[in-house]
C-alpha atoms as a PDB file:
ATOM      1  CA  MET A   1     157.658 -65.340 115.064  1.00  0.00           C
ATOM      2  CA  LEU A   2     161.440 -65.588 115.180  1.00  0.00           C
ATOM      3  CA  ASP A   3     163.229 -62.992 113.118  1.00  0.00           C
ATOM      4  CA  PRO A   4     164.810 -65.095 110.297  1.00  0.00           C
ATOM      5  CA  ASP A   5     167.808 -62.730 110.230  1.00  0.00           C
ATOM      6  CA  LEU A   6     168.812 -64.166 113.621  1.00  0.00           C
ATOM      7  CA  VAL A   7     169.589 -67.620 112.209  1.00  0.00           C
ATOM      8  CA  GLY A   8     173.360 -67.972 112.308  1.00  0.00           C
ATOM      9  CA  ARG A   9     173.761 -65.275 114.960  1.00  0.00           C
ATOM     10  CA  THR A  10     176.178 -66.141 117.761  1.00  0.00           C
ATOM     11  CA  PHE A  11     176.117 -64.683 121.242  1.00  0.00           C
ATOM     12  CA  ILE A  12     179.450 -64.882 123.056  1.00  0.00           C
ATOM     13  CA  GLY A  13     179.107 -64.824 126.808  1.00  0.00           C
ATOM     14  CA  ALA A  14     180.754 -61.849 128.458  1.00  0.00           C
ATOM     15  CA  LYS A  15     181.862 -63.723 131.534  1.00  0.00           C
ATOM     16  CA  VAL A  16     184.057 -66.664 132.308  1.00  0.00           C
ATOM     17  CA  VAL A  17     182.352 -69.168 134.589  1.00  0.00           C
ATOM     18  CA  ARG A  18     184.483 -71.039 137.122  1.00  0.00           C
ATOM     19  CA  ILE A  19     183.021 -74.425 137.985  1.00  0.00           C
ATOM     20  CA  SER A  20     183.126 -75.274 141.672  1.00  0.00           C
ATOM     21  CA  GLN A  21     183.048 -78.645 143.379  1.00  0.00           C
ATOM     22  CA  ASP A  22     180.010 -77.464 145.363  1.00  0.00           C
ATOM     23  CA  GLU A  23     178.089 -76.851 142.111  1.00  0.00           C
ATOM     24  CA  ILE A  24     178.939 -80.327 140.846  1.00  0.00           C
ATOM     25  CA  ASN A  25     178.001 -81.899 144.199  1.00  0.00           C
ATOM     26  CA  SER A  26     174.677 -80.039 144.276  1.00  0.00           C
ATOM     27  CA  PHE A  27     173.841 -81.058 140.707  1.00  0.00           C
ATOM     28  CA  CYS A  28     174.744 -84.695 141.443  1.00  0.00           C
ATOM     29  CA  ALA A  29     172.497 -84.654 144.531  1.00  0.00           C
ATOM     30  CA  VAL A  30     169.552 -83.449 142.436  1.00  0.00           C
ATOM     31  CA  VAL A  31     169.997 -85.966 139.607  1.00  0.00           C
ATOM     32  CA  GLY A  32     170.956 -88.869 141.877  1.00  0.00           C
ATOM     33  CA  GLY A  33     174.585 -89.078 140.788  1.00  0.00           C
ATOM     34  CA  SER A  34     177.052 -90.692 143.151  1.00  0.00           C
ATOM     35  CA  VAL A  35     180.350 -89.913 141.426  1.00  0.00           C
ATOM     36  CA  THR A  36     181.248 -86.259 141.881  1.00  0.00           C
ATOM     37  CA  GLU A  37     184.884 -86.154 140.749  1.00  0.00           C
ATOM     38  CA  VAL A  38     183.605 -85.149 137.325  1.00  0.00           C
ATOM     39  CA  SER A  39     180.334 -83.507 136.407  1.00  0.00           C
ATOM     40  CA  PRO A  40     177.436 -85.543 135.049  1.00  0.00           C
ATOM     41  CA  PRO A  41     176.997 -85.191 131.269  1.00  0.00           C
ATOM     42  CA  THR A  42     173.978 -82.895 131.622  1.00  0.00           C
ATOM     43  CA  PHE A  43     175.715 -80.488 134.043  1.00  0.00           C
ATOM     44  CA  ALA A  44     176.682 -78.274 131.093  1.00  0.00           C
ATOM     45  CA  ILE A  45     173.057 -77.158 130.777  1.00  0.00           C
ATOM     46  CA  THR A  46     173.412 -75.201 134.026  1.00  0.00           C
ATOM     47  CA  ILE A  47     175.729 -72.857 132.130  1.00  0.00           C
ATOM     48  CA  THR A  48     174.436 -73.020 128.566  1.00  0.00           C
ATOM     49  CA  LEU A  49     170.762 -72.495 129.407  1.00  0.00           C
ATOM     50  CA  ASP A  50     171.354 -68.985 130.734  1.00  0.00           C
ATOM     51  CA  GLN A  51     173.419 -68.056 127.678  1.00  0.00           C
ATOM     52  CA  SER A  52     170.945 -69.380 125.132  1.00  0.00           C
ATOM     53  CA  GLN A  53     168.038 -67.670 126.895  1.00  0.00           C
ATOM     54  CA  THR A  54     169.945 -64.391 126.695  1.00  0.00           C
ATOM     55  CA  LEU A  55     170.435 -64.913 122.961  1.00  0.00           C
ATOM     56  CA  LEU A  56     166.754 -65.624 122.404  1.00  0.00           C
ATOM     57  CA  GLN A  57     165.369 -63.028 124.805  1.00  0.00           C
ATOM     58  CA  ASP A  58     164.734 -60.411 122.115  1.00  0.00           C
ATOM     59  CA  SER A  59     164.255 -62.842 119.223  1.00  0.00           C
ATOM     60  CA  GLY A  60     160.533 -62.400 118.806  1.00  0.00           C
ATOM     61  CA  LEU A  61     159.611 -65.825 120.232  1.00  0.00           C
ATOM     62  CA  ASP A  62     156.356 -65.980 122.189  1.00  0.00           C
ATOM     63  CA  TRP A  63     157.741 -67.511 125.391  1.00  0.00           C
ATOM     64  CA  SER A  64     154.260 -68.301 126.707  1.00  0.00           C
ATOM     65  CA  ARG A  65     153.993 -70.886 123.917  1.00  0.00           C
ATOM     66  CA  VAL A  66     157.493 -72.430 124.105  1.00  0.00           C
ATOM     67  CA  VAL A  67     157.963 -76.080 125.024  1.00  0.00           C
ATOM     68  CA  HIS A  68     161.206 -78.048 125.117  1.00  0.00           C
ATOM     69  CA  GLY A  69     161.522 -80.324 122.106  1.00  0.00           C
ATOM     70  CA  ASP A  70     164.907 -82.018 122.318  1.00  0.00           C
ATOM     71  CA  GLN A  71     168.352 -81.844 123.919  1.00  0.00           C
ATOM     72  CA  LYS A  72     171.651 -83.259 122.678  1.00  0.00           C
ATOM     73  CA  PHE A  73     175.159 -83.211 124.163  1.00  0.00           C
ATOM     74  CA  VAL A  74     178.552 -83.873 122.575  1.00  0.00           C
ATOM     75  CA  ILE A  75     181.217 -84.077 125.243  1.00  0.00           C
ATOM     76  CA  ALA A  76     184.895 -83.863 124.376  1.00  0.00           C
ATOM     77  CA  ARG A  77     185.744 -84.299 128.049  1.00  0.00           C
ATOM     78  CA  PRO A  78     183.839 -83.992 131.319  1.00  0.00           C
ATOM     79  CA  LEU A  79     183.665 -80.668 133.105  1.00  0.00           C
ATOM     80  CA  ILE A  80     185.542 -80.721 136.400  1.00  0.00           C
ATOM     81  CA  ALA A  81     185.871 -78.434 139.393  1.00  0.00           C
ATOM     82  CA  GLY A  82     188.270 -75.607 138.618  1.00  0.00           C
ATOM     83  CA  ASP A  83     187.437 -75.455 134.917  1.00  0.00           C
ATOM     84  CA  GLU A  84     186.954 -71.909 133.695  1.00  0.00           C
ATOM     85  CA  VAL A  85     184.658 -71.846 130.701  1.00  0.00           C
ATOM     86  CA  ARG A  86     183.152 -69.325 128.332  1.00  0.00           C
ATOM     87  CA  CYS A  87     179.913 -70.059 126.521  1.00  0.00           C
ATOM     88  CA  SER A  88     178.839 -69.135 123.020  1.00  0.00           C
ATOM     89  CA  SER A  89     175.350 -69.822 121.701  1.00  0.00           C
ATOM     90  CA  THR A  90     174.270 -69.854 118.052  1.00  0.00           C
ATOM     91  CA  ILE A  91     170.786 -70.010 116.549  1.00  0.00           C
ATOM     92  CA  GLU A  92     171.425 -72.831 114.079  1.00  0.00           C
ATOM     93  CA  THR A  93     167.990 -73.360 112.567  1.00  0.00           C
ATOM     94  CA  ALA A  94     164.499 -71.956 112.597  1.00  0.00           C
ATOM     95  CA  ARG A  95     161.660 -73.480 110.625  1.00  0.00           C
ATOM     96  CA  VAL A  96     157.903 -73.812 110.654  1.00  0.00           C
ATOM     97  CA  MET A  97     156.328 -77.265 110.745  1.00  0.00           C
ATOM     98  CA  ALA A  98     152.575 -77.846 111.012  1.00  0.00           C
ATOM     99  CA  GLY A  99     152.203 -74.236 112.087  1.00  0.00           C
ATOM    100  CA  ASN A 100     154.729 -74.596 114.934  1.00  0.00           C
ATOM    101  CA  GLU A 101     158.043 -72.740 114.986  1.00  0.00           C
ATOM    102  CA  ILE A 102     161.002 -74.990 115.724  1.00  0.00           C
ATOM    103  CA  VAL A 103     164.258 -73.337 116.780  1.00  0.00           C
ATOM    104  CA  THR A 104     167.557 -75.098 117.449  1.00  0.00           C
ATOM    105  CA  VAL A 105     170.298 -73.406 119.446  1.00  0.00           C
ATOM    106  CA  ARG A 106     173.839 -74.787 119.764  1.00  0.00           C
ATOM    107  CA  SER A 107     175.853 -73.738 122.793  1.00  0.00           C
ATOM    108  CA  ASP A 108     179.576 -74.435 123.107  1.00  0.00           C
ATOM    109  CA  LEU A 109     181.654 -74.367 126.278  1.00  0.00           C
ATOM    110  CA  HIS A 110     185.327 -73.537 125.781  1.00  0.00           C
ATOM    111  CA  SER A 111     188.206 -73.453 128.209  1.00  0.00           C
ATOM    112  CA  GLY A 112     190.648 -71.186 126.433  1.00  0.00           C
ATOM    113  CA  GLU A 113     190.741 -72.612 122.910  1.00  0.00           C
ATOM    114  CA  GLU A 114     189.635 -76.097 123.988  1.00  0.00           C
ATOM    115  CA  LEU A 115     186.058 -77.050 123.099  1.00  0.00           C
ATOM    116  CA  ILE A 116     184.806 -79.084 126.051  1.00  0.00           C
ATOM    117  CA  VAL A 117     181.058 -79.524 125.464  1.00  0.00           C
ATOM    118  CA  SER A 118     178.534 -78.689 122.767  1.00  0.00           C
ATOM    119  CA  THR A 119     174.820 -78.776 123.497  1.00  0.00           C
ATOM    120  CA  TRP A 120     171.840 -78.466 121.179  1.00  0.00           C
ATOM    121  CA  SER A 121     168.432 -77.357 122.465  1.00  0.00           C
ATOM    122  CA  THR A 122     165.386 -77.568 120.258  1.00  0.00           C
ATOM    123  CA  LEU A 123     162.473 -75.366 121.250  1.00  0.00           C
ATOM    124  CA  VAL A 124     158.981 -75.629 119.835  1.00  0.00           C
ATOM    125  CA  VAL A 125     156.748 -72.575 119.761  1.00  0.00           C
ATOM    126  CA  ARG A 126     153.260 -74.040 119.618  1.00  0.00           C
ATOM    127  CA  ALA A 127     150.855 -72.648 117.020  1.00  0.00           C
END
């Protein structure tokens, strides 16, 4: 069970991630994208997933029972090669529904003070 005191907690990534053209090209090849001047909308998950997993690592979730429930992206502008971003992840909600725990984590990618992308991941811990 997720520790309810963790709701609202924010983890600020310790490192700045520099996005390379090779990373964008590789991601586009996997998802079938043909335009590589800018990253596909879902490219942000390659950065935010690691950060949110770090935040939730010691949360008390039973990872053997976790399934992905939902994903949402709000993009202020596309990520491009050369961007240097820092990620922060916040546990926004945690609730129990039909015996399942449902946890939503928001992750934001900033370049300096500019918010570039926000993602929301909803995880379901099956009863």
